[in-house]
Structure formats: structure tokens, C-alpha cells
Amino acid sequence: METGGSERNKFIDFRQHARLRIPIPFACSISRKGVSRWFAKDLLGPGVVYDVSIKGARVSSEALLKPGDQVMVTWRLPKQIAPLAVERATVRWAKNQTFGLEFMHLTFTVALQLKKFIARHAMPSQ
């Protein structure tokens, strides 16, 4: 959508939740939704999280994912002991080996840890 002629107005960000670009990307694992993550055949592959918000993440992986796929994502946030699991995420877009995931359900604990992580690492707007 364009408003006026300036370059700055060409793109509008419609996000409802702040997205945090991760200064040091961290690893995750991606599994099929609804299948135990402990079986190697059900693991779709490792991935790297580059951006995260309370509602989703941008992940790079060699897993073969397409929009609409339901997955479970497990990661360990930097300086966290216990891994966090997003039990249900939907692939919203895919480009090459990068995917946009929308978190469909977060447990209270996962949401709290994610909010704390984002608040701790958010940089002031420039």
C-alpha cells in the first residue's frame, strides 16, 4: 500500500506483536504435529530461529515444509536450562529454506518465558 510518494511509506507493517530479531540465532528442532518428538523418524529436522515474537517465528531449516503444515517446535532459549516446546505451530509462508511459523497454542509457561526473553532483548526503536 502506498501513501504519498516517499520510499518510507511504501511498506506498512501490519504485525500486532513486536518481532525480535535475534542477535545470535539459536537452534530449534521441528517435528510433525501430534507425533511424539522422541522418535527420530518423526523429527523433520533441525532449524535456526532468526526472529521471534509472542505469536510466531522466522525459522530456517532443511525440513520440507509448506504453508498450512502443522508442526511442533522445540528450542532452548539462550541462557535457559529447560527447553521450550511450542506444541502447535502453522507454517504461514515458505521461501527457499526459510519459513514463517504462527504459534497456534502456547502454554502459560512457554508464553511467560518467551515474553521475558523478548523484553530482555528488545532494542529501543530507532
N, C-alpha and C. Protein backbone atom coordinates (compact mmCIF):
# COMPACT_ATOMS: atom_id res chain seq x y z
N MET A 1 0.85 -1.17 0.00
CA MET A 1 0.00 0.00 0.00
C MET A 1 0.89 1.22 0.00
N GLU A 2 0.61 2.18 -0.86
CA GLU A 2 1.39 3.41 -0.93
C GLU A 2 0.57 4.58 -0.43
N THR A 3 1.21 5.38 0.36
CA THR A 3 0.61 6.64 0.79
C THR A 3 1.65 7.70 0.55
N GLY A 4 1.37 8.62 -0.36
CA GLY A 4 2.37 9.63 -0.69
C GLY A 4 3.41 9.02 -1.60
N GLY A 5 4.47 9.78 -1.88
CA GLY A 5 5.45 9.29 -2.82
C GLY A 5 6.76 8.86 -2.20
N SER A 6 6.93 8.97 -0.91
CA SER A 6 8.24 8.66 -0.33
C SER A 6 8.47 7.16 -0.23
N GLU A 7 9.76 6.80 -0.29
CA GLU A 7 10.16 5.39 -0.17
C GLU A 7 9.74 4.81 1.18
N ARG A 8 9.79 5.62 2.22
CA ARG A 8 9.49 5.15 3.57
C ARG A 8 8.06 4.68 3.72
N ASN A 9 7.16 5.20 2.94
CA ASN A 9 5.74 4.86 3.07
C ASN A 9 5.31 3.70 2.19
N LYS A 10 6.23 3.07 1.46
CA LYS A 10 5.83 2.01 0.54
C LYS A 10 5.40 0.74 1.24
N PHE A 11 5.97 0.46 2.39
CA PHE A 11 5.66 -0.78 3.09
C PHE A 11 5.10 -0.48 4.46
N ILE A 12 4.03 -1.16 4.77
CA ILE A 12 3.39 -0.98 6.08
C ILE A 12 3.47 -2.31 6.81
N ASP A 13 3.90 -2.27 8.05
CA ASP A 13 4.00 -3.48 8.87
C ASP A 13 2.68 -3.66 9.62
N PHE A 14 1.96 -4.73 9.33
CA PHE A 14 0.66 -4.97 9.93
C PHE A 14 0.74 -5.88 11.16
N ARG A 15 1.94 -6.11 11.68
CA ARG A 15 2.10 -7.00 12.83
C ARG A 15 1.38 -6.46 14.05
N GLN A 16 0.77 -7.36 14.79
CA GLN A 16 0.10 -6.98 16.03
C GLN A 16 1.04 -7.09 17.22
N HIS A 17 2.11 -7.88 17.07
CA HIS A 17 3.04 -8.11 18.17
C HIS A 17 4.46 -7.80 17.71
N ALA A 18 5.23 -7.18 18.59
CA ALA A 18 6.60 -6.83 18.26
C ALA A 18 7.40 -8.08 17.91
N ARG A 19 8.23 -7.96 16.88
CA ARG A 19 9.08 -9.06 16.48
C ARG A 19 10.50 -8.73 16.92
N LEU A 20 11.18 -9.70 17.48
CA LEU A 20 12.54 -9.51 17.95
C LEU A 20 13.49 -10.21 16.99
N ARG A 21 14.36 -9.44 16.36
CA ARG A 21 15.41 -10.04 15.54
C ARG A 21 16.47 -10.55 16.50
N ILE A 22 16.77 -11.81 16.43
CA ILE A 22 17.69 -12.45 17.36
C ILE A 22 19.12 -12.05 17.01
N PRO A 23 19.86 -11.41 17.95
CA PRO A 23 21.23 -11.01 17.64
C PRO A 23 22.14 -12.22 17.37
N ILE A 24 21.92 -13.30 18.09
CA ILE A 24 22.64 -14.54 17.86
C ILE A 24 21.58 -15.62 17.68
N PRO A 25 21.31 -16.03 16.43
CA PRO A 25 20.27 -17.04 16.20
C PRO A 25 20.52 -18.30 17.03
N PHE A 26 19.44 -18.98 17.41
CA PHE A 26 19.58 -20.19 18.20
C PHE A 26 18.88 -21.35 17.52
N ALA A 27 19.31 -22.55 17.90
CA ALA A 27 18.83 -23.78 17.26
C ALA A 27 17.46 -24.18 17.77
N CYS A 28 16.75 -24.92 16.92
CA CYS A 28 15.46 -25.50 17.31
C CYS A 28 15.33 -26.84 16.60
N SER A 29 14.35 -27.62 17.00
CA SER A 29 14.02 -28.84 16.27
C SER A 29 12.56 -28.76 15.87
N ILE A 30 12.27 -29.28 14.70
CA ILE A 30 10.92 -29.22 14.15
C ILE A 30 10.42 -30.65 13.98
N SER A 31 9.24 -30.92 14.55
CA SER A 31 8.65 -32.26 14.48
C SER A 31 7.25 -32.18 13.90
N ARG A 32 6.77 -33.30 13.43
CA ARG A 32 5.39 -33.36 12.96
C ARG A 32 4.46 -33.09 14.14
N LYS A 33 3.39 -32.38 13.90
CA LYS A 33 2.39 -32.10 14.94
C LYS A 33 1.65 -33.37 15.32
N GLY A 34 1.52 -33.57 16.62
CA GLY A 34 0.73 -34.70 17.09
C GLY A 34 1.47 -36.01 17.19
N VAL A 35 2.78 -35.97 16.93
CA VAL A 35 3.57 -37.19 16.99
C VAL A 35 4.68 -36.99 18.01
N SER A 36 4.96 -38.00 18.76
CA SER A 36 6.00 -37.90 19.79
C SER A 36 7.31 -37.44 19.18
N ARG A 37 7.93 -36.44 19.82
CA ARG A 37 9.18 -35.90 19.29
C ARG A 37 10.37 -36.79 19.56
N TRP A 38 10.18 -37.87 20.29
CA TRP A 38 11.33 -38.69 20.69
C TRP A 38 11.69 -39.72 19.62
N PHE A 39 10.87 -39.90 18.63
CA PHE A 39 11.17 -40.85 17.58
C PHE A 39 11.86 -40.14 16.44
N ALA A 40 13.06 -40.59 16.08
CA ALA A 40 13.86 -39.91 15.06
C ALA A 40 13.12 -39.77 13.73
N LYS A 41 12.32 -40.77 13.36
CA LYS A 41 11.61 -40.70 12.07
C LYS A 41 10.57 -39.57 12.04
N ASP A 42 10.15 -39.10 13.22
CA ASP A 42 9.14 -38.05 13.28
C ASP A 42 9.75 -36.65 13.32
N LEU A 43 11.06 -36.58 13.52
CA LEU A 43 11.75 -35.31 13.53
C LEU A 43 11.92 -34.86 12.09
N LEU A 44 11.39 -33.69 11.76
CA LEU A 44 11.52 -33.18 10.40
C LEU A 44 12.90 -32.59 10.17
N GLY A 45 13.50 -32.10 11.23
CA GLY A 45 14.86 -31.58 11.08
C GLY A 45 15.18 -30.48 12.06
N PRO A 46 16.46 -30.18 12.15
CA PRO A 46 16.88 -29.05 12.97
C PRO A 46 16.61 -27.76 12.23
N GLY A 47 16.58 -26.68 12.96
CA GLY A 47 16.37 -25.37 12.35
C GLY A 47 17.10 -24.31 13.14
N VAL A 48 17.05 -23.10 12.63
CA VAL A 48 17.65 -21.94 13.29
C VAL A 48 16.60 -20.85 13.36
N VAL A 49 16.39 -20.29 14.55
CA VAL A 49 15.41 -19.21 14.76
C VAL A 49 16.13 -17.88 14.58
N TYR A 50 15.59 -17.04 13.67
CA TYR A 50 16.18 -15.73 13.40
C TYR A 50 15.36 -14.58 13.98
N ASP A 51 14.06 -14.69 13.96
CA ASP A 51 13.16 -13.67 14.51
C ASP A 51 12.13 -14.40 15.35
N VAL A 52 11.67 -13.75 16.42
CA VAL A 52 10.64 -14.37 17.24
C VAL A 52 9.75 -13.28 17.82
N SER A 53 8.47 -13.60 17.96
CA SER A 53 7.51 -12.75 18.66
C SER A 53 6.66 -13.68 19.50
N ILE A 54 5.74 -13.13 20.24
CA ILE A 54 4.87 -13.96 21.08
C ILE A 54 3.91 -14.78 20.21
N LYS A 55 3.76 -14.42 18.95
CA LYS A 55 2.82 -15.13 18.07
C LYS A 55 3.48 -15.94 16.96
N GLY A 56 4.82 -15.87 16.82
CA GLY A 56 5.42 -16.64 15.75
C GLY A 56 6.92 -16.46 15.65
N ALA A 57 7.50 -17.07 14.61
CA ALA A 57 8.94 -17.02 14.44
C ALA A 57 9.30 -17.19 12.96
N ARG A 58 10.48 -16.70 12.61
CA ARG A 58 11.06 -16.96 11.29
C ARG A 58 12.17 -17.96 11.51
N VAL A 59 12.07 -19.10 10.84
CA VAL A 59 12.97 -20.22 11.06
C VAL A 59 13.54 -20.67 9.72
N SER A 60 14.81 -21.03 9.74
CA SER A 60 15.45 -21.61 8.57
C SER A 60 15.70 -23.08 8.87
N SER A 61 15.39 -23.95 7.90
CA SER A 61 15.56 -25.39 8.10
C SER A 61 15.59 -26.09 6.75
N GLU A 62 16.22 -27.25 6.73
CA GLU A 62 16.19 -28.08 5.54
C GLU A 62 14.95 -28.97 5.50
N ALA A 63 14.12 -28.88 6.54
CA ALA A 63 12.87 -29.65 6.57
C ALA A 63 12.01 -29.25 5.38
N LEU A 64 11.31 -30.20 4.83
CA LEU A 64 10.42 -29.92 3.71
C LEU A 64 9.06 -29.49 4.26
N LEU A 65 8.87 -28.19 4.35
CA LEU A 65 7.63 -27.63 4.89
C LEU A 65 6.95 -26.80 3.83
N LYS A 66 5.62 -26.75 3.93
CA LYS A 66 4.85 -25.91 3.01
C LYS A 66 3.77 -25.19 3.81
N PRO A 67 3.27 -24.07 3.31
CA PRO A 67 2.21 -23.35 4.02
C PRO A 67 1.05 -24.28 4.35
N GLY A 68 0.59 -24.16 5.61
CA GLY A 68 -0.51 -24.98 6.08
C GLY A 68 -0.06 -26.17 6.93
N ASP A 69 1.22 -26.56 6.82
CA ASP A 69 1.72 -27.68 7.63
C ASP A 69 1.63 -27.33 9.11
N GLN A 70 1.28 -28.32 9.92
CA GLN A 70 1.23 -28.18 11.37
C GLN A 70 2.47 -28.85 11.95
N VAL A 71 3.21 -28.12 12.79
CA VAL A 71 4.43 -28.66 13.36
C VAL A 71 4.52 -28.34 14.85
N MET A 72 5.45 -29.01 15.50
CA MET A 72 5.82 -28.70 16.87
C MET A 72 7.26 -28.22 16.82
N VAL A 73 7.57 -27.16 17.54
CA VAL A 73 8.92 -26.60 17.54
C VAL A 73 9.43 -26.62 18.98
N THR A 74 10.64 -27.13 19.14
CA THR A 74 11.28 -27.19 20.45
C THR A 74 12.59 -26.43 20.37
N TRP A 75 12.85 -25.58 21.36
CA TRP A 75 14.11 -24.86 21.41
C TRP A 75 14.51 -24.58 22.84
N ARG A 76 15.76 -24.22 22.98
CA ARG A 76 16.28 -23.79 24.27
C ARG A 76 16.74 -22.35 24.05
N LEU A 77 16.04 -21.41 24.69
CA LEU A 77 16.43 -20.01 24.57
C LEU A 77 17.82 -19.82 25.17
N PRO A 78 18.58 -18.87 24.64
CA PRO A 78 19.90 -18.62 25.23
C PRO A 78 19.80 -18.38 26.74
N LYS A 79 20.70 -18.97 27.48
CA LYS A 79 20.79 -18.87 28.94
C LYS A 79 19.61 -19.50 29.66
N GLN A 80 18.90 -20.40 29.00
CA GLN A 80 17.80 -21.14 29.62
C GLN A 80 18.21 -22.60 29.77
N ILE A 81 17.85 -23.20 30.87
CA ILE A 81 18.22 -24.59 31.12
C ILE A 81 17.24 -25.55 30.43
N ALA A 82 15.96 -25.33 30.67
CA ALA A 82 14.95 -26.25 30.14
C ALA A 82 14.52 -25.83 28.73
N PRO A 83 14.31 -26.82 27.86
CA PRO A 83 13.81 -26.49 26.52
C PRO A 83 12.34 -26.08 26.58
N LEU A 84 11.94 -25.26 25.62
CA LEU A 84 10.54 -24.84 25.49
C LEU A 84 9.96 -25.52 24.26
N ALA A 85 8.71 -25.92 24.36
CA ALA A 85 8.06 -26.57 23.22
C ALA A 85 6.80 -25.81 22.85
N VAL A 86 6.75 -25.38 21.61
CA VAL A 86 5.51 -24.84 21.04
C VAL A 86 4.82 -26.04 20.42
N GLU A 87 3.77 -26.48 21.08
CA GLU A 87 3.12 -27.73 20.69
C GLU A 87 2.42 -27.67 19.34
N ARG A 88 2.00 -26.48 18.94
CA ARG A 88 1.29 -26.38 17.66
C ARG A 88 1.62 -25.06 16.99
N ALA A 89 2.25 -25.17 15.83
CA ALA A 89 2.56 -24.00 15.01
C ALA A 89 2.16 -24.33 13.58
N THR A 90 1.72 -23.32 12.86
CA THR A 90 1.33 -23.49 11.46
C THR A 90 2.32 -22.74 10.58
N VAL A 91 2.77 -23.39 9.52
CA VAL A 91 3.63 -22.74 8.55
C VAL A 91 2.75 -21.78 7.75
N ARG A 92 3.04 -20.49 7.82
CA ARG A 92 2.24 -19.48 7.12
C ARG A 92 2.84 -19.11 5.77
N TRP A 93 4.16 -19.15 5.65
CA TRP A 93 4.80 -18.87 4.37
C TRP A 93 6.12 -19.63 4.31
N ALA A 94 6.57 -19.88 3.10
CA ALA A 94 7.83 -20.59 2.88
C ALA A 94 8.53 -19.96 1.69
N LYS A 95 9.81 -19.72 1.85
CA LYS A 95 10.63 -19.20 0.76
C LYS A 95 11.99 -19.86 0.87
N ASN A 96 12.33 -20.67 -0.13
CA ASN A 96 13.55 -21.46 -0.11
C ASN A 96 13.55 -22.32 1.15
N GLN A 97 14.48 -22.12 2.04
CA GLN A 97 14.54 -22.93 3.26
C GLN A 97 14.23 -22.08 4.50
N THR A 98 13.46 -21.04 4.31
CA THR A 98 13.05 -20.17 5.41
C THR A 98 11.53 -20.19 5.50
N PHE A 99 11.04 -20.23 6.76
CA PHE A 99 9.61 -20.41 6.98
C PHE A 99 9.11 -19.44 8.04
N GLY A 100 7.89 -18.96 7.84
CA GLY A 100 7.21 -18.17 8.86
C GLY A 100 6.26 -19.08 9.61
N LEU A 101 6.45 -19.17 10.92
CA LEU A 101 5.59 -20.02 11.74
C LEU A 101 4.69 -19.15 12.61
N GLU A 102 3.42 -19.50 12.66
CA GLU A 102 2.47 -18.86 13.57
C GLU A 102 2.21 -19.83 14.71
N PHE A 103 2.43 -19.37 15.94
CA PHE A 103 2.17 -20.21 17.10
C PHE A 103 0.67 -20.25 17.33
N MET A 104 0.10 -21.43 17.30
CA MET A 104 -1.34 -21.59 17.45
C MET A 104 -1.74 -21.79 18.91
N HIS A 105 -0.82 -22.31 19.70
CA HIS A 105 -1.10 -22.51 21.12
C HIS A 105 0.19 -22.49 21.90
N LEU A 106 0.25 -21.64 22.92
CA LEU A 106 1.38 -21.58 23.83
C LEU A 106 0.88 -21.89 25.23
N THR A 107 1.60 -22.73 25.94
CA THR A 107 1.25 -22.94 27.34
C THR A 107 1.60 -21.67 28.10
N PHE A 108 1.05 -21.54 29.28
CA PHE A 108 1.32 -20.37 30.11
C PHE A 108 2.82 -20.21 30.34
N THR A 109 3.51 -21.31 30.66
CA THR A 109 4.94 -21.28 30.94
C THR A 109 5.75 -20.84 29.72
N VAL A 110 5.44 -21.40 28.57
CA VAL A 110 6.16 -21.04 27.34
C VAL A 110 5.92 -19.57 27.00
N ALA A 111 4.67 -19.11 27.11
CA ALA A 111 4.35 -17.71 26.81
C ALA A 111 5.11 -16.77 27.76
N LEU A 112 5.16 -17.12 29.03
CA LEU A 112 5.86 -16.30 30.02
C LEU A 112 7.35 -16.23 29.72
N GLN A 113 7.97 -17.37 29.45
CA GLN A 113 9.40 -17.40 29.14
C GLN A 113 9.70 -16.60 27.87
N LEU A 114 8.85 -16.74 26.87
CA LEU A 114 9.05 -16.03 25.61
C LEU A 114 8.90 -14.52 25.81
N LYS A 115 7.89 -14.10 26.56
CA LYS A 115 7.71 -12.67 26.85
C LYS A 115 8.91 -12.10 27.58
N LYS A 116 9.43 -12.84 28.55
CA LYS A 116 10.61 -12.39 29.31
C LYS A 116 11.82 -12.26 28.39
N PHE A 117 12.01 -13.25 27.52
CA PHE A 117 13.14 -13.23 26.59
C PHE A 117 13.05 -12.02 25.66
N ILE A 118 11.87 -11.78 25.11
CA ILE A 118 11.68 -10.65 24.20
C ILE A 118 11.90 -9.33 24.93
N ALA A 119 11.35 -9.20 26.13
CA ALA A 119 11.52 -7.96 26.91
C ALA A 119 12.99 -7.71 27.23
N ARG A 120 13.72 -8.76 27.56
CA ARG A 120 15.14 -8.63 27.92
C ARG A 120 16.01 -8.23 26.73
N HIS A 121 15.64 -8.70 25.54
CA HIS A 121 16.50 -8.50 24.38
C HIS A 121 15.98 -7.46 23.39
N ALA A 122 14.82 -6.89 23.66
CA ALA A 122 14.27 -5.89 22.73
C ALA A 122 15.13 -4.64 22.75
N MET A 123 15.40 -4.12 21.57
CA MET A 123 16.17 -2.89 21.47
C MET A 123 15.20 -1.74 21.29
N PRO A 124 15.55 -0.58 21.83
CA PRO A 124 14.68 0.58 21.66
C PRO A 124 14.52 0.91 20.18
N SER A 125 13.36 1.41 19.81
CA SER A 125 13.10 1.79 18.41
C SER A 125 14.04 2.93 18.03
N GLN A 126 14.45 2.89 16.76
CA GLN A 126 15.37 3.94 16.28
C GLN A 126 14.66 4.86 15.34
